[in-house]
């Protein structure tokens, strides 16, 4: 049987501190990754390094 390729989707993670901090306006840290829709139907949140904040911050999944 053929497997359905739509189960794993590519998502974009964006830093929440860069969005809130409008004074710097340097940019926004973004990462791309894949997730399994069946196992994680809710929006993904990961702690990643932000080069603009220069520390580890929470990155949330955004719409494309």
PDB file of N, CA and C in Angstrom:
ATOM      1  N   UNK A   1       0.836  -1.193   0.000  1.00  0.00           N
ATOM      2  CA  UNK A   1       0.000   0.000   0.000  1.00  0.00           C
ATOM      3  C   UNK A   1       0.875   1.248   0.000  1.00  0.00           C
ATOM      4  N   UNK A   2       0.403   2.260  -0.675  1.00  0.00           N
ATOM      5  CA  UNK A   2       1.128   3.533  -0.715  1.00  0.00           C
ATOM      6  C   UNK A   2       0.798   4.341   0.534  1.00  0.00           C
ATOM      7  N   UNK A   3       1.821   5.007   1.056  1.00  0.00           N
ATOM      8  CA  UNK A   3       1.605   5.851   2.235  1.00  0.00           C
ATOM      9  C   UNK A   3       1.208   7.244   1.794  1.00  0.00           C
ATOM     10  N   UNK A   4       0.382   7.877   2.607  1.00  0.00           N
ATOM     11  CA  UNK A   4      -0.064   9.233   2.323  1.00  0.00           C
ATOM     12  C   UNK A   4       1.025  10.218   2.740  1.00  0.00           C
ATOM     13  N   UNK A   5       1.523  11.026   1.816  1.00  0.00           N
ATOM     14  CA  UNK A   5       2.609  11.965   2.099  1.00  0.00           C
ATOM     15  C   UNK A   5       2.122  13.227   2.813  1.00  0.00           C
ATOM     16  N   UNK A   6       0.815  13.416   2.921  1.00  0.00           N
ATOM     17  CA  UNK A   6       0.276  14.624   3.546  1.00  0.00           C
ATOM     18  C   UNK A   6       0.250  14.549   5.070  1.00  0.00           C
ATOM     19  N   UNK A   7       0.695  13.449   5.643  1.00  0.00           N
ATOM     20  CA  UNK A   7       0.686  13.335   7.096  1.00  0.00           C
ATOM     21  C   UNK A   7       1.754  14.245   7.696  1.00  0.00           C
ATOM     22  N   UNK A   8       2.952  14.248   7.117  1.00  0.00           N
ATOM     23  CA  UNK A   8       4.031  15.128   7.578  1.00  0.00           C
ATOM     24  C   UNK A   8       3.990  16.418   6.778  1.00  0.00           C
ATOM     25  N   UNK A   9       3.936  17.541   7.495  1.00  0.00           N
ATOM     26  CA  UNK A   9       3.860  18.843   6.840  1.00  0.00           C
ATOM     27  C   UNK A   9       5.024  19.717   7.289  1.00  0.00           C
ATOM     28  N   UNK A  10       5.456  20.618   6.421  1.00  0.00           N
ATOM     29  CA  UNK A  10       6.510  21.563   6.750  1.00  0.00           C
ATOM     30  C   UNK A  10       5.886  22.773   7.419  1.00  0.00           C
ATOM     31  N   UNK A  11       6.451  23.170   8.569  1.00  0.00           N
ATOM     32  CA  UNK A  11       5.922  24.306   9.317  1.00  0.00           C
ATOM     33  C   UNK A  11       7.034  25.333   9.534  1.00  0.00           C
ATOM     34  N   UNK A  12       6.639  26.552   9.875  1.00  0.00           N
ATOM     35  CA  UNK A  12       7.575  27.626  10.167  1.00  0.00           C
ATOM     36  C   UNK A  12       7.413  28.039  11.624  1.00  0.00           C
ATOM     37  N   UNK A  13       8.531  28.139  12.332  1.00  0.00           N
ATOM     38  CA  UNK A  13       8.535  28.575  13.725  1.00  0.00           C
ATOM     39  C   UNK A  13       9.108  29.988  13.787  1.00  0.00           C
ATOM     40  N   UNK A  14       8.454  30.859  14.559  1.00  0.00           N
ATOM     41  CA  UNK A  14       8.866  32.260  14.638  1.00  0.00           C
ATOM     42  C   UNK A  14       9.030  32.669  16.093  1.00  0.00           C
ATOM     43  N   UNK A  15      10.064  33.468  16.370  1.00  0.00           N
ATOM     44  CA  UNK A  15      10.358  33.929  17.730  1.00  0.00           C
ATOM     45  C   UNK A  15       9.259  34.871  18.220  1.00  0.00           C
ATOM     46  N   UNK A  16       8.789  34.635  19.444  1.00  0.00           N
ATOM     47  CA  UNK A  16       7.720  35.497  19.969  1.00  0.00           C
ATOM     48  C   UNK A  16       8.281  36.770  20.586  1.00  0.00           C
ATOM     49  N   UNK A  17       9.544  36.761  21.023  1.00  0.00           N
ATOM     50  CA  UNK A  17      10.142  37.974  21.599  1.00  0.00           C
ATOM     51  C   UNK A  17      10.444  39.008  20.526  1.00  0.00           C
ATOM     52  N   UNK A  18      10.859  38.595  19.360  1.00  0.00           N
ATOM     53  CA  UNK A  18      11.152  39.528  18.267  1.00  0.00           C
ATOM     54  C   UNK A  18       9.876  40.217  17.772  1.00  0.00           C
ATOM     55  N   UNK A  19       8.762  39.510  17.810  1.00  0.00           N
ATOM     56  CA  UNK A  19       7.486  40.087  17.376  1.00  0.00           C
ATOM     57  C   UNK A  19       7.054  41.177  18.348  1.00  0.00           C
ATOM     58  N   UNK A  20       7.213  40.919  19.649  1.00  0.00           N
ATOM     59  CA  UNK A  20       6.775  41.869  20.672  1.00  0.00           C
ATOM     60  C   UNK A  20       7.689  43.082  20.761  1.00  0.00           C
ATOM     61  N   UNK A  21       8.991  42.888  20.529  1.00  0.00           N
ATOM     62  CA  UNK A  21       9.963  43.963  20.676  1.00  0.00           C
ATOM     63  C   UNK A  21      10.075  44.726  19.360  1.00  0.00           C
ATOM     64  N   UNK A  22       9.302  45.787  19.207  1.00  0.00           N
ATOM     65  CA  UNK A  22       9.268  46.559  17.969  1.00  0.00           C
ATOM     66  C   UNK A  22      10.334  47.651  17.936  1.00  0.00           C
ATOM     67  N   UNK A  23      11.021  47.896  19.057  1.00  0.00           N
ATOM     68  CA  UNK A  23      12.018  48.961  19.101  1.00  0.00           C
ATOM     69  C   UNK A  23      13.254  48.610  18.274  1.00  0.00           C
ATOM     70  N   UNK A  24      13.688  47.359  18.326  1.00  0.00           N
ATOM     71  CA  UNK A  24      14.904  46.952  17.611  1.00  0.00           C
ATOM     72  C   UNK A  24      14.699  46.967  16.102  1.00  0.00           C
ATOM     73  N   UNK A  25      13.661  46.299  15.641  1.00  0.00           N
ATOM     74  CA  UNK A  25      13.346  46.157  14.219  1.00  0.00           C
ATOM     75  C   UNK A  25      14.526  45.606  13.413  1.00  0.00           C
ATOM     76  N   UNK A  26      15.294  44.717  14.026  1.00  0.00           N
ATOM     77  CA  UNK A  26      16.395  44.077  13.319  1.00  0.00           C
ATOM     78  C   UNK A  26      15.893  42.989  12.388  1.00  0.00           C
ATOM     79  N   UNK A  27      14.916  42.264  12.831  1.00  0.00           N
ATOM     80  CA  UNK A  27      14.367  41.166  12.056  1.00  0.00           C
ATOM     81  C   UNK A  27      13.663  40.194  12.969  1.00  0.00           C
ATOM     82  N   UNK A  28      13.247  39.084  12.402  1.00  0.00           N
ATOM     83  CA  UNK A  28      12.540  38.067  13.157  1.00  0.00           C
ATOM     84  C   UNK A  28      13.220  36.734  12.880  1.00  0.00           C
ATOM     85  N   UNK A  29      13.514  35.997  13.943  1.00  0.00           N
ATOM     86  CA  UNK A  29      14.146  34.695  13.816  1.00  0.00           C
ATOM     87  C   UNK A  29      13.099  33.673  13.397  1.00  0.00           C
ATOM     88  N   UNK A  30      13.388  32.908  12.331  1.00  0.00           N
ATOM     89  CA  UNK A  30      12.466  31.879  11.842  1.00  0.00           C
ATOM     90  C   UNK A  30      13.214  30.583  11.578  1.00  0.00           C
ATOM     91  N   UNK A  31      12.575  29.478  11.905  1.00  0.00           N
ATOM     92  CA  UNK A  31      13.089  28.136  11.638  1.00  0.00           C
ATOM     93  C   UNK A  31      12.028  27.366  10.869  1.00  0.00           C
ATOM     94  N   UNK A  32      12.438  26.432  10.033  1.00  0.00           N
ATOM     95  CA  UNK A  32      11.504  25.530   9.374  1.00  0.00           C
ATOM     96  C   UNK A  32      11.784  24.116   9.844  1.00  0.00           C
ATOM     97  N   UNK A  33      10.729  23.349  10.028  1.00  0.00           N
ATOM     98  CA  UNK A  33      10.835  21.967  10.468  1.00  0.00           C
ATOM     99  C   UNK A  33       9.611  21.215   9.967  1.00  0.00           C
ATOM    100  N   UNK A  34       9.534  19.932  10.283  1.00  0.00           N
ATOM    101  CA  UNK A  34       8.384  19.133   9.900  1.00  0.00           C
ATOM    102  C   UNK A  34       7.722  18.574  11.140  1.00  0.00           C
ATOM    103  N   UNK A  35       6.414  18.352  11.037  1.00  0.00           N
ATOM    104  CA  UNK A  35       5.694  17.720  12.140  1.00  0.00           C
ATOM    105  C   UNK A  35       4.674  16.747  11.579  1.00  0.00           C
ATOM    106  N   UNK A  36       4.289  15.804  12.404  1.00  0.00           N
ATOM    107  CA  UNK A  36       3.294  14.821  12.047  1.00  0.00           C
ATOM    108  C   UNK A  36       1.933  15.345  12.501  1.00  0.00           C
ATOM    109  N   UNK A  37       1.015  15.507  11.566  1.00  0.00           N
ATOM    110  CA  UNK A  37      -0.303  16.068  11.895  1.00  0.00           C
ATOM    111  C   UNK A  37      -1.108  15.177  12.815  1.00  0.00           C
ATOM    112  N   UNK A  38      -0.946  13.874  12.693  1.00  0.00           N
ATOM    113  CA  UNK A  38      -1.719  12.951  13.530  1.00  0.00           C
ATOM    114  C   UNK A  38      -1.271  12.986  14.988  1.00  0.00           C
ATOM    115  N   UNK A  39       0.028  13.070  15.216  1.00  0.00           N
ATOM    116  CA  UNK A  39       0.538  13.054  16.593  1.00  0.00           C
ATOM    117  C   UNK A  39       0.453  14.405  17.279  1.00  0.00           C
ATOM    118  N   UNK A  40       0.627  15.496  16.538  1.00  0.00           N
ATOM    119  CA  UNK A  40       0.592  16.841  17.122  1.00  0.00           C
ATOM    120  C   UNK A  40      -0.363  17.728  16.331  1.00  0.00           C
ATOM    121  N   UNK A  41      -1.664  17.642  16.597  1.00  0.00           N
ATOM    122  CA  UNK A  41      -2.626  18.467  15.860  1.00  0.00           C
ATOM    123  C   UNK A  41      -2.618  19.937  16.299  1.00  0.00           C
ATOM    124  N   UNK A  42      -2.122  20.218  17.519  1.00  0.00           N
ATOM    125  CA  UNK A  42      -2.089  21.594  18.003  1.00  0.00           C
ATOM    126  C   UNK A  42      -0.842  22.295  17.484  1.00  0.00           C
ATOM    127  N   UNK A  43      -0.776  23.613  17.652  1.00  0.00           N
ATOM    128  CA  UNK A  43       0.386  24.375  17.196  1.00  0.00           C
ATOM    129  C   UNK A  43       1.610  24.050  18.051  1.00  0.00           C
ATOM    130  N   UNK A  44       2.733  23.930  17.379  1.00  0.00           N
ATOM    131  CA  UNK A  44       3.968  23.515  18.014  1.00  0.00           C
ATOM    132  C   UNK A  44       4.703  24.711  18.623  1.00  0.00           C
ATOM    133  N   UNK A  45       5.299  24.509  19.804  1.00  0.00           N
ATOM    134  CA  UNK A  45       6.131  25.520  20.460  1.00  0.00           C
ATOM    135  C   UNK A  45       7.439  24.851  20.865  1.00  0.00           C
ATOM    136  N   UNK A  46       8.558  25.412  20.409  1.00  0.00           N
ATOM    137  CA  UNK A  46       9.865  24.884  20.755  1.00  0.00           C
ATOM    138  C   UNK A  46      10.762  26.000  21.248  1.00  0.00           C
ATOM    139  N   UNK A  47      11.702  25.649  22.113  1.00  0.00           N
ATOM    140  CA  UNK A  47      12.672  26.619  22.590  1.00  0.00           C
ATOM    141  C   UNK A  47      13.900  26.515  21.692  1.00  0.00           C
ATOM    142  N   UNK A  48      14.170  27.578  20.920  1.00  0.00           N
ATOM    143  CA  UNK A  48      15.265  27.610  19.956  1.00  0.00           C
ATOM    144  C   UNK A  48      16.102  28.861  20.202  1.00  0.00           C
ATOM    145  N   UNK A  49      17.302  28.905  19.589  1.00  0.00           N
ATOM    146  CA  UNK A  49      18.170  30.066  19.726  1.00  0.00           C
ATOM    147  C   UNK A  49      17.760  31.140  18.733  1.00  0.00           C
ATOM    148  N   UNK A  50      17.603  32.362  19.207  1.00  0.00           N
ATOM    149  CA  UNK A  50      17.263  33.508  18.370  1.00  0.00           C
ATOM    150  C   UNK A  50      18.519  34.362  18.231  1.00  0.00           C
ATOM    151  N   UNK A  51      18.987  34.551  17.001  1.00  0.00           N
ATOM    152  CA  UNK A  51      20.214  35.331  16.787  1.00  0.00           C
ATOM    153  C   UNK A  51      19.976  36.822  16.983  1.00  0.00           C
ATOM    154  N   UNK A  52      18.740  37.290  16.896  1.00  0.00           N
ATOM    155  CA  UNK A  52      18.432  38.706  17.105  1.00  0.00           C
ATOM    156  C   UNK A  52      18.327  39.039  18.590  1.00  0.00           C
ATOM    157  N   UNK A  53      17.727  38.144  19.381  1.00  0.00           N
ATOM    158  CA  UNK A  53      17.642  38.331  20.831  1.00  0.00           C
ATOM    159  C   UNK A  53      18.932  37.873  21.514  1.00  0.00           C
ATOM    160  N   UNK A  54      19.710  37.043  20.834  1.00  0.00           N
ATOM    161  CA  UNK A  54      20.975  36.500  21.317  1.00  0.00           C
ATOM    162  C   UNK A  54      20.783  35.614  22.541  1.00  0.00           C
ATOM    163  N   UNK A  55      19.674  34.854  22.578  1.00  0.00           N
ATOM    164  CA  UNK A  55      19.411  33.907  23.656  1.00  0.00           C
ATOM    165  C   UNK A  55      18.368  32.898  23.189  1.00  0.00           C
ATOM    166  N   UNK A  56      18.148  31.878  24.001  1.00  0.00           N
ATOM    167  CA  UNK A  56      17.144  30.869  23.688  1.00  0.00           C
ATOM    168  C   UNK A  56      15.768  31.405  24.062  1.00  0.00           C
ATOM    169  N   UNK A  57      14.840  31.382  23.107  1.00  0.00           N
ATOM    170  CA  UNK A  57      13.482  31.882  23.334  1.00  0.00           C
ATOM    171  C   UNK A  57      12.478  30.883  22.777  1.00  0.00           C
ATOM    172  N   UNK A  58      11.225  31.103  23.086  1.00  0.00           N
ATOM    173  CA  UNK A  58      10.158  30.245  22.581  1.00  0.00           C
ATOM    174  C   UNK A  58       9.817  30.658  21.147  1.00  0.00           C
ATOM    175  N   UNK A  59       9.757  29.683  20.276  1.00  0.00           N
ATOM    176  CA  UNK A  59       9.374  29.885  18.885  1.00  0.00           C
ATOM    177  C   UNK A  59       8.047  29.150  18.666  1.00  0.00           C
ATOM    178  N   UNK A  60       7.040  29.859  18.147  1.00  0.00           N
ATOM    179  CA  UNK A  60       5.729  29.275  17.910  1.00  0.00           C
ATOM    180  C   UNK A  60       5.495  29.061  16.424  1.00  0.00           C
ATOM    181  N   UNK A  61       4.645  28.106  16.130  1.00  0.00           N
ATOM    182  CA  UNK A  61       4.268  27.810  14.752  1.00  0.00           C
ATOM    183  C   UNK A  61       3.377  28.928  14.229  1.00  0.00           C
ATOM    184  N   UNK A  62       3.637  29.356  12.979  1.00  0.00           N
ATOM    185  CA  UNK A  62       2.830  30.409  12.368  1.00  0.00           C
ATOM    186  C   UNK A  62       2.167  29.874  11.120  1.00  0.00           C
ATOM    187  N   UNK A  63       1.162  30.607  10.644  1.00  0.00           N
ATOM    188  CA  UNK A  63       0.503  30.249   9.383  1.00  0.00           C
ATOM    189  C   UNK A  63       1.395  30.628   8.223  1.00  0.00           C
ATOM    190  N   UNK A  64       1.252  29.916   7.132  1.00  0.00           N
ATOM    191  CA  UNK A  64       2.040  30.224   5.938  1.00  0.00           C
ATOM    192  C   UNK A  64       1.377  31.267   5.103  1.00  0.00           C
TER     193      UNK A  64
END
